[in-house]
Amino acid sequence: MKIIKRLLAAAAVVALAFKGVASFLSWVERQDDQPAEAWLDEDELDSAESKEA
C-alpha cells in the first residue's frame, strides 16, 4: 500500500512539473510576439533616433 501511495505521489509531482514547464514555454512564446521596443524607455529611444540621423 505504501508503494502505491508513493507511486501516485511521484506521478502527481511529474504531472505538476510538466504543467509548469508547459506554462513557462507558452509564456516565453507570448513574449516573442511583443515588440522589442517595448523595453526601451523614451530617453534611450530619443538617443537612438538622434544617432541614426
N, C-alpha and C. Protein backbone atom coordinates (compact mmCIF):
# COMPACT_ATOMS: atom_id res chain seq x y z
N MET A 1 0.82 -1.20 0.00
CA MET A 1 0.00 0.00 0.00
C MET A 1 0.87 1.27 0.00
N LYS A 2 1.98 1.21 0.76
CA LYS A 2 2.87 2.35 0.83
C LYS A 2 3.51 2.63 -0.53
N ILE A 3 3.80 1.58 -1.29
CA ILE A 3 4.42 1.73 -2.61
C ILE A 3 3.43 2.41 -3.57
N ILE A 4 2.17 2.03 -3.49
CA ILE A 4 1.15 2.63 -4.36
C ILE A 4 1.02 4.12 -4.08
N LYS A 5 1.01 4.50 -2.79
CA LYS A 5 0.91 5.91 -2.43
C LYS A 5 2.12 6.69 -2.95
N ARG A 6 3.29 6.10 -2.84
CA ARG A 6 4.50 6.79 -3.31
C ARG A 6 4.50 6.92 -4.83
N LEU A 7 4.01 5.90 -5.53
CA LEU A 7 3.93 5.99 -6.98
C LEU A 7 2.93 7.06 -7.42
N LEU A 8 1.79 7.13 -6.73
CA LEU A 8 0.81 8.17 -7.04
C LEU A 8 1.37 9.56 -6.75
N ALA A 9 2.10 9.70 -5.65
CA ALA A 9 2.70 10.99 -5.32
C ALA A 9 3.75 11.37 -6.37
N ALA A 10 4.55 10.41 -6.81
CA ALA A 10 5.56 10.68 -7.82
C ALA A 10 4.90 11.08 -9.15
N ALA A 11 3.81 10.41 -9.50
CA ALA A 11 3.09 10.76 -10.73
C ALA A 11 2.51 12.16 -10.63
N ALA A 12 2.02 12.54 -9.47
CA ALA A 12 1.48 13.89 -9.28
C ALA A 12 2.58 14.93 -9.42
N VAL A 13 3.75 14.65 -8.87
CA VAL A 13 4.87 15.59 -8.98
C VAL A 13 5.30 15.73 -10.43
N VAL A 14 5.37 14.63 -11.17
CA VAL A 14 5.74 14.68 -12.58
C VAL A 14 4.70 15.47 -13.37
N ALA A 15 3.43 15.27 -13.07
CA ALA A 15 2.37 15.99 -13.77
C ALA A 15 2.46 17.49 -13.50
N LEU A 16 2.71 17.88 -12.25
CA LEU A 16 2.85 19.30 -11.92
C LEU A 16 4.08 19.90 -12.57
N ALA A 17 5.16 19.14 -12.63
CA ALA A 17 6.37 19.64 -13.28
C ALA A 17 6.13 19.85 -14.77
N PHE A 18 5.44 18.92 -15.40
CA PHE A 18 5.13 19.04 -16.82
C PHE A 18 4.24 20.26 -17.07
N LYS A 19 3.26 20.47 -16.20
CA LYS A 19 2.37 21.62 -16.34
C LYS A 19 3.15 22.92 -16.18
N GLY A 20 4.07 22.95 -15.25
CA GLY A 20 4.89 24.14 -15.04
C GLY A 20 5.77 24.44 -16.25
N VAL A 21 6.38 23.43 -16.80
CA VAL A 21 7.23 23.62 -17.99
C VAL A 21 6.40 24.08 -19.16
N ALA A 22 5.24 23.50 -19.35
CA ALA A 22 4.36 23.90 -20.45
C ALA A 22 3.90 25.34 -20.28
N SER A 23 3.58 25.75 -19.07
CA SER A 23 3.17 27.13 -18.81
C SER A 23 4.32 28.08 -19.10
N PHE A 24 5.53 27.72 -18.68
CA PHE A 24 6.68 28.57 -18.93
C PHE A 24 6.95 28.72 -20.42
N LEU A 25 6.88 27.62 -21.15
CA LEU A 25 7.14 27.69 -22.59
C LEU A 25 6.09 28.51 -23.31
N SER A 26 4.83 28.42 -22.90
CA SER A 26 3.81 29.23 -23.54
C SER A 26 4.00 30.70 -23.19
N TRP A 27 4.48 31.00 -21.98
CA TRP A 27 4.78 32.37 -21.60
C TRP A 27 5.91 32.93 -22.46
N VAL A 28 6.96 32.12 -22.66
CA VAL A 28 8.08 32.55 -23.49
C VAL A 28 7.61 32.81 -24.92
N GLU A 29 6.75 31.96 -25.42
CA GLU A 29 6.23 32.14 -26.78
C GLU A 29 5.43 33.44 -26.89
N ARG A 30 4.66 33.77 -25.88
CA ARG A 30 3.90 35.02 -25.90
C ARG A 30 4.84 36.22 -25.85
N GLN A 31 5.97 36.10 -25.17
CA GLN A 31 6.91 37.21 -25.07
C GLN A 31 7.52 37.53 -26.44
N ASP A 32 7.70 36.52 -27.27
CA ASP A 32 8.27 36.73 -28.60
C ASP A 32 7.33 37.53 -29.49
N ASP A 33 6.03 37.49 -29.21
CA ASP A 33 5.06 38.19 -30.04
C ASP A 33 5.06 39.69 -29.80
N GLN A 34 5.57 40.12 -28.64
CA GLN A 34 5.54 41.54 -28.32
C GLN A 34 6.73 42.25 -28.98
N PRO A 35 6.55 43.50 -29.36
CA PRO A 35 7.65 44.23 -29.99
C PRO A 35 8.81 44.47 -29.02
N ALA A 36 10.02 44.39 -29.54
CA ALA A 36 11.21 44.54 -28.70
C ALA A 36 11.35 45.97 -28.19
N GLU A 37 10.79 46.95 -28.89
CA GLU A 37 10.94 48.34 -28.49
C GLU A 37 10.22 48.64 -27.17
N ALA A 38 9.37 47.74 -26.74
CA ALA A 38 8.62 47.97 -25.51
C ALA A 38 9.55 48.07 -24.31
N TRP A 39 10.76 47.51 -24.39
CA TRP A 39 11.68 47.53 -23.28
C TRP A 39 12.51 48.81 -23.25
N LEU A 40 12.51 49.58 -24.32
CA LEU A 40 13.26 50.82 -24.35
C LEU A 40 12.47 51.92 -23.67
N ASP A 41 13.16 52.72 -22.85
CA ASP A 41 12.45 53.88 -22.34
C ASP A 41 12.59 55.03 -23.33
N GLU A 42 11.88 56.10 -23.10
CA GLU A 42 11.81 57.17 -24.08
C GLU A 42 13.16 57.85 -24.31
N ASP A 43 13.97 58.00 -23.25
CA ASP A 43 15.28 58.64 -23.41
C ASP A 43 16.19 57.81 -24.30
N GLU A 44 16.19 56.48 -24.11
CA GLU A 44 17.01 55.62 -24.95
C GLU A 44 16.53 55.66 -26.39
N LEU A 45 15.22 55.72 -26.58
CA LEU A 45 14.67 55.78 -27.93
C LEU A 45 15.05 57.09 -28.62
N ASP A 46 14.97 58.22 -27.89
CA ASP A 46 15.35 59.50 -28.46
C ASP A 46 16.83 59.53 -28.83
N SER A 47 17.69 58.98 -27.95
CA SER A 47 19.13 58.99 -28.25
C SER A 47 19.44 58.05 -29.42
N ALA A 48 18.72 56.97 -29.55
CA ALA A 48 18.94 56.04 -30.67
C ALA A 48 18.51 56.68 -31.98
N GLU A 49 17.41 57.42 -31.96
CA GLU A 49 16.96 58.08 -33.17
C GLU A 49 17.88 59.22 -33.58
N SER A 50 18.43 59.94 -32.60
CA SER A 50 19.32 61.05 -32.95
C SER A 50 20.65 60.54 -33.48
N LYS A 51 21.09 59.35 -33.07
CA LYS A 51 22.34 58.79 -33.58
C LYS A 51 22.17 58.32 -35.02
N GLU A 52 20.97 57.87 -35.37
CA GLU A 52 20.73 57.40 -36.74
C GLU A 52 20.70 58.56 -37.73
N ALA A 53 20.27 59.72 -37.29
CA ALA A 53 20.13 60.87 -38.20
C ALA A 53 21.44 61.54 -38.51
